[in-house]
Structure formats: C-alpha cells, structure tokens
C-alpha atoms as a PDB file:
ATOM      1  CA  UNK A   1      17.891  23.327  49.407  1.00  0.00           C
ATOM      2  CA  UNK A   2      17.410  19.730  47.434  1.00  0.00           C
ATOM      3  CA  UNK A   3      18.874  16.678  49.165  1.00  0.00           C
ATOM      4  CA  UNK A   4      19.795  13.382  47.718  1.00  0.00           C
ATOM      5  CA  UNK A   5      17.004  11.928  49.451  1.00  0.00           C
ATOM      6  CA  UNK A   6      14.284  14.662  47.669  1.00  0.00           C
ATOM      7  CA  UNK A   7      15.946  13.337  44.624  1.00  0.00           C
ATOM      8  CA  UNK A   8      14.997   9.584  45.315  1.00  0.00           C
ATOM      9  CA  UNK A   9      11.750  10.477  46.512  1.00  0.00           C
ATOM     10  CA  UNK A  10      10.687  12.149  43.155  1.00  0.00           C
ATOM     11  CA  UNK A  11       7.782  10.876  41.172  1.00  0.00           C
ATOM     12  CA  UNK A  12      10.309  10.617  38.259  1.00  0.00           C
ATOM     13  CA  UNK A  13      12.188   8.002  39.746  1.00  0.00           C
ATOM     14  CA  UNK A  14       8.970   6.544  40.967  1.00  0.00           C
ATOM     15  CA  UNK A  15       7.680   5.832  37.629  1.00  0.00           C
ATOM     16  CA  UNK A  16      11.056   3.918  36.742  1.00  0.00           C
ATOM     17  CA  UNK A  17       9.092   0.767  37.789  1.00  0.00           C
ATOM     18  CA  UNK A  18       5.974   1.276  36.383  1.00  0.00           C
ATOM     19  CA  UNK A  19       6.256  -0.940  33.810  1.00  0.00           C
ATOM     20  CA  UNK A  20       8.915  -4.165  34.378  1.00  0.00           C
ATOM     21  CA  UNK A  21      12.221  -4.969  32.397  1.00  0.00           C
ATOM     22  CA  UNK A  22      11.013  -8.121  31.531  1.00  0.00           C
ATOM     23  CA  UNK A  23       7.339  -6.864  29.875  1.00  0.00           C
ATOM     24  CA  UNK A  24       9.317  -3.926  27.759  1.00  0.00           C
ATOM     25  CA  UNK A  25      11.780  -6.428  26.510  1.00  0.00           C
ATOM     26  CA  UNK A  26       8.563  -9.169  25.759  1.00  0.00           C
ATOM     27  CA  UNK A  27       6.619  -6.239  23.872  1.00  0.00           C
ATOM     28  CA  UNK A  28       9.792  -5.050  22.022  1.00  0.00           C
ATOM     29  CA  UNK A  29      10.555  -8.292  20.808  1.00  0.00           C
ATOM     30  CA  UNK A  30       7.417  -9.382  19.918  1.00  0.00           C
ATOM     31  CA  UNK A  31       6.718  -5.862  17.985  1.00  0.00           C
ATOM     32  CA  UNK A  32      10.196  -6.791  16.145  1.00  0.00           C
ATOM     33  CA  UNK A  33       8.663  -9.964  14.835  1.00  0.00           C
ATOM     34  CA  UNK A  34       5.460  -8.960  13.970  1.00  0.00           C
ATOM     35  CA  UNK A  35       6.882  -5.609  12.392  1.00  0.00           C
ATOM     36  CA  UNK A  36       9.242  -8.107  10.190  1.00  0.00           C
ATOM     37  CA  UNK A  37       6.043 -10.183   9.150  1.00  0.00           C
ATOM     38  CA  UNK A  38       4.498  -6.958   8.225  1.00  0.00           C
ATOM     39  CA  UNK A  39       7.593  -5.925   6.189  1.00  0.00           C
ATOM     40  CA  UNK A  40       7.971  -9.382   4.528  1.00  0.00           C
ATOM     41  CA  UNK A  41       4.079  -9.327   3.680  1.00  0.00           C
ATOM     42  CA  UNK A  42       4.678  -5.742   2.100  1.00  0.00           C
ATOM     43  CA  UNK A  43       7.484  -6.985   0.180  1.00  0.00           C
ATOM     44  CA  UNK A  44       5.609  -9.950  -1.234  1.00  0.00           C
ATOM     45  CA  UNK A  45       2.413  -7.836  -2.093  1.00  0.00           C
ATOM     46  CA  UNK A  46       4.210  -4.820  -3.419  1.00  0.00           C
ATOM     47  CA  UNK A  47       2.762  -3.923  -7.129  1.00  0.00           C
ATOM     48  CA  UNK A  48       3.927  -0.143  -7.463  1.00  0.00           C
ATOM     49  CA  UNK A  49       5.952   1.152  -9.890  1.00  0.00           C
ATOM     50  CA  UNK A  50       9.210   2.185  -7.168  1.00  0.00           C
ATOM     51  CA  UNK A  51       9.557  -0.197  -4.447  1.00  0.00           C
ATOM     52  CA  UNK A  52      10.974   1.556  -1.253  1.00  0.00           C
ATOM     53  CA  UNK A  53      12.714  -0.802   1.470  1.00  0.00           C
ATOM     54  CA  UNK A  54      12.471   2.571   3.574  1.00  0.00           C
ATOM     55  CA  UNK A  55       8.981   2.219   3.915  1.00  0.00           C
ATOM     56  CA  UNK A  56       9.452  -1.366   5.138  1.00  0.00           C
ATOM     57  CA  UNK A  57      11.923  -0.328   7.624  1.00  0.00           C
ATOM     58  CA  UNK A  58       9.170   2.280   8.509  1.00  0.00           C
ATOM     59  CA  UNK A  59       7.006  -0.331   9.078  1.00  0.00           C
ATOM     60  CA  UNK A  60       8.830  -2.326  11.510  1.00  0.00           C
ATOM     61  CA  UNK A  61      10.187   0.886  13.441  1.00  0.00           C
ATOM     62  CA  UNK A  62       6.411   1.902  13.694  1.00  0.00           C
ATOM     63  CA  UNK A  63       4.819  -1.317  15.302  1.00  0.00           C
ATOM     64  CA  UNK A  64       7.874  -0.989  17.848  1.00  0.00           C
ATOM     65  CA  UNK A  65       7.431   3.065  18.506  1.00  0.00           C
ATOM     66  CA  UNK A  66       3.572   2.249  18.985  1.00  0.00           C
ATOM     67  CA  UNK A  67       4.281  -0.919  21.190  1.00  0.00           C
ATOM     68  CA  UNK A  68       6.365   1.702  23.040  1.00  0.00           C
ATOM     69  CA  UNK A  69       4.247   4.913  23.244  1.00  0.00           C
ATOM     70  CA  UNK A  70       1.138   2.256  24.515  1.00  0.00           C
ATOM     71  CA  UNK A  71       3.173   0.703  27.408  1.00  0.00           C
ATOM     72  CA  UNK A  72       4.032   4.378  28.812  1.00  0.00           C
ATOM     73  CA  UNK A  73       0.315   5.788  28.173  1.00  0.00           C
ATOM     74  CA  UNK A  74      -1.105   2.646  29.836  1.00  0.00           C
ATOM     75  CA  UNK A  75       1.134   2.874  33.142  1.00  0.00           C
ATOM     76  CA  UNK A  76       0.516   6.337  33.995  1.00  0.00           C
ATOM     77  CA  UNK A  77      -2.925   7.910  33.640  1.00  0.00           C
ATOM     78  CA  UNK A  78      -1.619  11.444  33.938  1.00  0.00           C
ATOM     79  CA  UNK A  79       1.330  10.700  31.284  1.00  0.00           C
ATOM     80  CA  UNK A  80      -1.452   9.485  28.839  1.00  0.00           C
ATOM     81  CA  UNK A  81      -3.400  12.480  29.051  1.00  0.00           C
ATOM     82  CA  UNK A  82      -0.081  14.723  28.036  1.00  0.00           C
ATOM     83  CA  UNK A  83       0.539  12.376  25.220  1.00  0.00           C
ATOM     84  CA  UNK A  84      -2.933  12.682  23.704  1.00  0.00           C
ATOM     85  CA  UNK A  85      -2.159  16.895  23.582  1.00  0.00           C
ATOM     86  CA  UNK A  86       1.429  15.892  22.736  1.00  0.00           C
ATOM     87  CA  UNK A  87       0.498  14.219  19.734  1.00  0.00           C
ATOM     88  CA  UNK A  88      -2.322  16.006  18.380  1.00  0.00           C
ATOM     89  CA  UNK A  89       0.022  18.930  17.214  1.00  0.00           C
ATOM     90  CA  UNK A  90       1.859  16.154  15.273  1.00  0.00           C
ATOM     91  CA  UNK A  91       1.219  16.725  11.120  1.00  0.00           C
ATOM     92  CA  UNK A  92       2.455  14.335   8.669  1.00  0.00           C
ATOM     93  CA  UNK A  93       3.156  15.893   5.474  1.00  0.00           C
ATOM     94  CA  UNK A  94       4.459  12.658   3.110  1.00  0.00           C
ATOM     95  CA  UNK A  95       2.017  12.005   0.623  1.00  0.00           C
ATOM     96  CA  UNK A  96       1.043   7.999   0.395  1.00  0.00           C
ATOM     97  CA  UNK A  97       1.311   6.984  -2.897  1.00  0.00           C
ATOM     98  CA  UNK A  98      -0.314   3.618  -3.018  1.00  0.00           C
ATOM     99  CA  UNK A  99      -3.387   3.284  -1.352  1.00  0.00           C
ATOM    100  CA  UNK A 100      -2.674  -0.148   0.162  1.00  0.00           C
ATOM    101  CA  UNK A 101       0.387   1.466   1.801  1.00  0.00           C
ATOM    102  CA  UNK A 102      -2.292   3.103   4.262  1.00  0.00           C
ATOM    103  CA  UNK A 103      -3.299  -0.377   5.061  1.00  0.00           C
ATOM    104  CA  UNK A 104       0.069  -1.360   6.048  1.00  0.00           C
ATOM    105  CA  UNK A 105       0.542   1.582   8.033  1.00  0.00           C
ATOM    106  CA  UNK A 106      -2.612   1.476  10.083  1.00  0.00           C
ATOM    107  CA  UNK A 107      -1.781  -2.541  10.526  1.00  0.00           C
ATOM    108  CA  UNK A 108       1.739  -1.468  12.062  1.00  0.00           C
ATOM    109  CA  UNK A 109       0.146   0.671  14.168  1.00  0.00           C
ATOM    110  CA  UNK A 110      -2.725  -1.611  15.494  1.00  0.00           C
ATOM    111  CA  UNK A 111      -0.416  -4.634  15.815  1.00  0.00           C
ATOM    112  CA  UNK A 112       1.848  -2.111  18.457  1.00  0.00           C
ATOM    113  CA  UNK A 113      -1.481  -1.006  20.478  1.00  0.00           C
ATOM    114  CA  UNK A 114      -2.896  -4.685  20.694  1.00  0.00           C
ATOM    115  CA  UNK A 115       0.514  -6.015  21.785  1.00  0.00           C
ATOM    116  CA  UNK A 116       1.246  -2.924  24.618  1.00  0.00           C
ATOM    117  CA  UNK A 117      -2.320  -3.799  25.749  1.00  0.00           C
ATOM    118  CA  UNK A 118      -1.034  -7.547  26.550  1.00  0.00           C
ATOM    119  CA  UNK A 119      -3.392  -9.132  24.060  1.00  0.00           C
ATOM    120  CA  UNK A 120      -0.764 -11.117  22.381  1.00  0.00           C
ATOM    121  CA  UNK A 121      -2.822 -13.763  20.862  1.00  0.00           C
ATOM    122  CA  UNK A 122      -4.831 -11.360  19.062  1.00  0.00           C
ATOM    123  CA  UNK A 123      -2.034  -9.511  17.689  1.00  0.00           C
ATOM    124  CA  UNK A 124      -0.455 -12.577  16.415  1.00  0.00           C
ATOM    125  CA  UNK A 125      -3.636 -14.494  15.295  1.00  0.00           C
ATOM    126  CA  UNK A 126      -5.107 -11.163  13.844  1.00  0.00           C
ATOM    127  CA  UNK A 127      -1.802 -10.160  11.725  1.00  0.00           C
ATOM    128  CA  UNK A 128      -1.408 -13.899  10.354  1.00  0.00           C
ATOM    129  CA  UNK A 129      -5.279 -13.800   8.974  1.00  0.00           C
ATOM    130  CA  UNK A 130      -4.219 -10.290   7.923  1.00  0.00           C
ATOM    131  CA  UNK A 131      -0.956 -11.270   5.857  1.00  0.00           C
ATOM    132  CA  UNK A 132      -2.946 -14.446   4.478  1.00  0.00           C
ATOM    133  CA  UNK A 133      -5.653 -12.316   2.937  1.00  0.00           C
ATOM    134  CA  UNK A 134      -3.123  -9.704   1.403  1.00  0.00           C
ATOM    135  CA  UNK A 135      -1.018 -12.505   0.081  1.00  0.00           C
ATOM    136  CA  UNK A 136      -4.064 -14.257  -1.363  1.00  0.00           C
ATOM    137  CA  UNK A 137      -5.884 -11.324  -2.756  1.00  0.00           C
ATOM    138  CA  UNK A 138      -3.152  -8.785  -4.028  1.00  0.00           C
ATOM    139  CA  UNK A 139      -1.073 -11.585  -5.766  1.00  0.00           C
ATOM    140  CA  UNK A 140      -4.016 -12.935  -7.370  1.00  0.00           C
ATOM    141  CA  UNK A 141      -3.532 -11.817 -10.949  1.00  0.00           C
ATOM    142  CA  UNK A 142      -6.867 -10.858 -12.844  1.00  0.00           C
ATOM    143  CA  UNK A 143      -6.802 -11.047 -16.767  1.00  0.00           C
ATOM    144  CA  UNK A 144     -10.085  -8.849 -16.292  1.00  0.00           C
ATOM    145  CA  UNK A 145      -7.805  -5.849 -15.385  1.00  0.00           C
ATOM    146  CA  UNK A 146      -8.268  -2.647 -17.357  1.00  0.00           C
ATOM    147  CA  UNK A 147      -5.364  -1.972 -20.317  1.00  0.00           C
ATOM    148  CA  UNK A 148      -5.551   0.825 -22.325  1.00  0.00           C
ATOM    149  CA  UNK A 149      -4.475   0.412 -26.025  1.00  0.00           C
ATOM    150  CA  UNK A 150      -3.107   3.755 -27.526  1.00  0.00           C
ATOM    151  CA  UNK A 151      -3.810   3.463 -31.599  1.00  0.00           C
ATOM    152  CA  UNK A 152      -2.538   5.571 -34.309  1.00  0.00           C
ATOM    153  CA  UNK A 153      -3.736   5.024 -37.635  1.00  0.00           C
ATOM    154  CA  UNK A 154      -4.067   7.177 -40.979  1.00  0.00           C
ATOM    155  CA  UNK A 155      -7.906   7.442 -41.263  1.00  0.00           C
ATOM    156  CA  UNK A 156     -11.243   5.982 -40.755  1.00  0.00           C
ATOM    157  CA  UNK A 157     -11.001   2.895 -42.762  1.00  0.00           C
ATOM    158  CA  UNK A 158      -8.194   1.886 -40.913  1.00  0.00           C
ATOM    159  CA  UNK A 159      -9.544   2.909 -37.462  1.00  0.00           C
ATOM    160  CA  UNK A 160     -12.705   0.666 -38.398  1.00  0.00           C
ATOM    161  CA  UNK A 161     -10.632  -2.391 -39.235  1.00  0.00           C
ATOM    162  CA  UNK A 162      -8.275  -1.967 -36.265  1.00  0.00           C
ATOM    163  CA  UNK A 163     -11.488  -1.493 -34.095  1.00  0.00           C
ATOM    164  CA  UNK A 164     -13.275  -4.638 -35.650  1.00  0.00           C
ATOM    165  CA  UNK A 165     -10.091  -6.559 -34.664  1.00  0.00           C
ATOM    166  CA  UNK A 166     -10.051  -5.575 -31.446  1.00  0.00           C
ATOM    167  CA  UNK A 167     -13.597  -6.506 -30.644  1.00  0.00           C
ATOM    168  CA  UNK A 168     -12.718  -9.750 -31.941  1.00  0.00           C
ATOM    169  CA  UNK A 169      -9.818 -10.448 -29.556  1.00  0.00           C
ATOM    170  CA  UNK A 170     -10.909  -9.070 -26.203  1.00  0.00           C
ATOM    171  CA  UNK A 171     -14.001  -9.282 -24.069  1.00  0.00           C
ATOM    172  CA  UNK A 172     -14.287  -5.513 -23.878  1.00  0.00           C
ATOM    173  CA  UNK A 173     -13.464  -2.386 -26.151  1.00  0.00           C
ATOM    174  CA  UNK A 174     -14.385   1.222 -25.014  1.00  0.00           C
ATOM    175  CA  UNK A 175     -13.196   4.412 -26.704  1.00  0.00           C
ATOM    176  CA  UNK A 176     -11.703   6.960 -23.693  1.00  0.00           C
ATOM    177  CA  UNK A 177     -10.469   9.276 -26.125  1.00  0.00           C
ATOM    178  CA  UNK A 178      -9.849  10.188 -29.568  1.00  0.00           C
ATOM    179  CA  UNK A 179      -7.769  12.926 -31.561  1.00  0.00           C
ATOM    180  CA  UNK A 180      -8.346  13.230 -35.466  1.00  0.00           C
ATOM    181  CA  UNK A 181      -5.794  15.464 -37.404  1.00  0.00           C
ATOM    182  CA  UNK A 182      -5.235  15.695 -40.974  1.00  0.00           C
ATOM    183  CA  UNK A 183      -3.886  12.417 -41.984  1.00  0.00           C
ATOM    184  CA  UNK A 184      -3.825  10.597 -38.752  1.00  0.00           C
ATOM    185  CA  UNK A 185      -6.092   9.681 -36.085  1.00  0.00           C
ATOM    186  CA  UNK A 186      -5.147   8.782 -32.413  1.00  0.00           C
ATOM    187  CA  UNK A 187      -7.420   7.069 -29.930  1.00  0.00           C
ATOM    188  CA  UNK A 188      -6.878   5.517 -26.372  1.00  0.00           C
ATOM    189  CA  UNK A 189      -9.054   2.540 -25.767  1.00  0.00           C
ATOM    190  CA  UNK A 190      -9.886   0.658 -22.614  1.00  0.00           C
ATOM    191  CA  UNK A 191     -10.012  -3.170 -23.033  1.00  0.00           C
ATOM    192  CA  UNK A 192     -10.804  -5.930 -21.104  1.00  0.00           C
ATOM    193  CA  UNK A 193      -8.497  -8.793 -22.143  1.00  0.00           C
ATOM    194  CA  UNK A 194      -9.807 -12.614 -22.688  1.00  0.00           C
ATOM    195  CA  UNK A 195      -6.593 -14.248 -21.577  1.00  0.00           C
ATOM    196  CA  UNK A 196      -2.788 -13.446 -20.857  1.00  0.00           C
ATOM    197  CA  UNK A 197      -1.643 -13.577 -24.135  1.00  0.00           C
ATOM    198  CA  UNK A 198      -0.698  -9.944 -26.122  1.00  0.00           C
ATOM    199  CA  UNK A 199       0.180 -11.121 -29.126  1.00  0.00           C
ATOM    200  CA  UNK A 200      -2.671  -9.380 -30.663  1.00  0.00           C
ATOM    201  CA  UNK A 201      -1.382  -5.976 -30.280  1.00  0.00           C
ATOM    202  CA  UNK A 202       1.767  -7.141 -33.186  1.00  0.00           C
ATOM    203  CA  UNK A 203      -1.266  -8.361 -35.459  1.00  0.00           C
ATOM    204  CA  UNK A 204      -2.922  -4.778 -34.614  1.00  0.00           C
ATOM    205  CA  UNK A 205       0.139  -3.132 -35.413  1.00  0.00           C
ATOM    206  CA  UNK A 206       0.460  -4.934 -38.963  1.00  0.00           C
ATOM    207  CA  UNK A 207      -2.799  -3.881 -40.105  1.00  0.00           C
ATOM    208  CA  UNK A 208      -3.036  -1.813 -43.078  1.00  0.00           C
ATOM    209  CA  UNK A 209      -2.893   2.212 -42.226  1.00  0.00           C
ATOM    210  CA  UNK A 210      -1.867   1.431 -38.702  1.00  0.00           C
ATOM    211  CA  UNK A 211       1.080   3.286 -37.518  1.00  0.00           C
ATOM    212  CA  UNK A 212       1.688   2.208 -34.035  1.00  0.00           C
ATOM    213  CA  UNK A 213      -0.213   0.159 -31.336  1.00  0.00           C
ATOM    214  CA  UNK A 214       0.704   0.442 -27.636  1.00  0.00           C
ATOM    215  CA  UNK A 215      -0.695  -1.665 -24.666  1.00  0.00           C
ATOM    216  CA  UNK A 216      -0.422  -0.068 -21.336  1.00  0.00           C
ATOM    217  CA  UNK A 217      -1.625  -1.613 -17.924  1.00  0.00           C
ATOM    218  CA  UNK A 218      -4.118   0.970 -16.055  1.00  0.00           C
ATOM    219  CA  UNK A 219      -5.488   1.257 -12.799  1.00  0.00           C
ATOM    220  CA  UNK A 220      -8.684   2.658 -13.636  1.00  0.00           C
ATOM    221  CA  UNK A 221      -8.110   6.169 -12.522  1.00  0.00           C
ATOM    222  CA  UNK A 222      -8.652   7.489 -16.419  1.00  0.00           C
ATOM    223  CA  UNK A 223      -7.999  11.133 -16.661  1.00  0.00           C
ATOM    224  CA  UNK A 224      -8.802  12.909 -19.752  1.00  0.00           C
END
C-alpha cells in the first residue's frame, strides 16, 4: 500500500528542485526579450507579399519553448534521452514561403538553446550582430535587381523599336519568352535598371505599334 511518505519520496517530486525558480524566471524573461527583438527585426526586414503577424508571434513563442525544453534536458540526463525520442517523431508540414523565414526560425531556436545553456552574453551579442546584419543587407535596395517587362506590340517593326529603346534605357535586356500571333507579339524581357526611375515604361507604351508595357518585380525564379 502506498503511503504519503512514498509519494514525497518519489523521483517525480525530487525533480522539482532540479531547476531553481530564479533560473527559470531569468531564462524565460531573457528568452521573451530576445524573442521580441527577433520579432521586431523580422517585421522591419519583411519583404514578401503578405505579412503574417502570427509568424512573428511564433518566433517569440519558439524562443521561449526552446528555452524550456533545453532547461529540462540539461537538468536530467534520463529526461534528455526520452526528449530526443519524443521529438524524433514530430513532423512539421507547414510550407515556408519565404527563404528568409527559415533563418528566423533557426535564429529563434538557437537563441533558446544558448540561453538555456547559460551562455547569456553569447545569446545577446550574437542576436544583436545577426539583427544588424539582417537590417543592413535585407533593407538595402539595389537597382540591379531583376525586373520583367511584359511587352505587347503589333509586329516586327514595333518590336525592334521597343527593343532599341529598352536597350538605351537599361543596363541589361534579355528575352525570356516570346509569343507571336497574327497581328500581335508578346514578349517577356528581363532587365536591370540603371536607377530607380520607371518613367521609361510610360514612354515605351507610347511607341507606335506598342499596345502595352508592364514592369514587374521579379526574384529571379523564372519559369517558362
């Protein structure tokens, strides 16, 4: 028969004091602070189409969750082995649409691990350095980024005039695709602009024989 004494002698209750309240509170507060810093950097550097505030909250939560898990693992060797087995069966099916989002996810996980290991200066200094690098390079606008010009014209002569005009206005112009129909030619051209001025598209559309000219930002993953 189990008595109250047996309950208080159980290994489960003995693990209560394995991590002090102060250590837990300090680690979670730091994890929350650094998680908020990661969230703010993500918000400032986001350059995708649809901004997701829930992903930013996920970064904060992931930092704190990782900290809790690693604190538990470092306090008990047996628990660490069981945790590895439990996490090995977890599968995440959510698709990552932006490549940079993967860096933020790994950043949050790494900060949680480093904090729980007690390497607070490394976590803080590393986060600041990573944040500065992302803010500098991601927000840096380059006019050499690729763009696509979708051009519709009525035939060969207007096509040649439009191509000659584009060659004089941009640094580079390469044909990506061309569709010819009776009385109409449609072309997709990859260009590198000389500056930030896009008024040349208006002039291009006014050329005789040109039906329309559309300028589209383009990440380089051309399919076609």
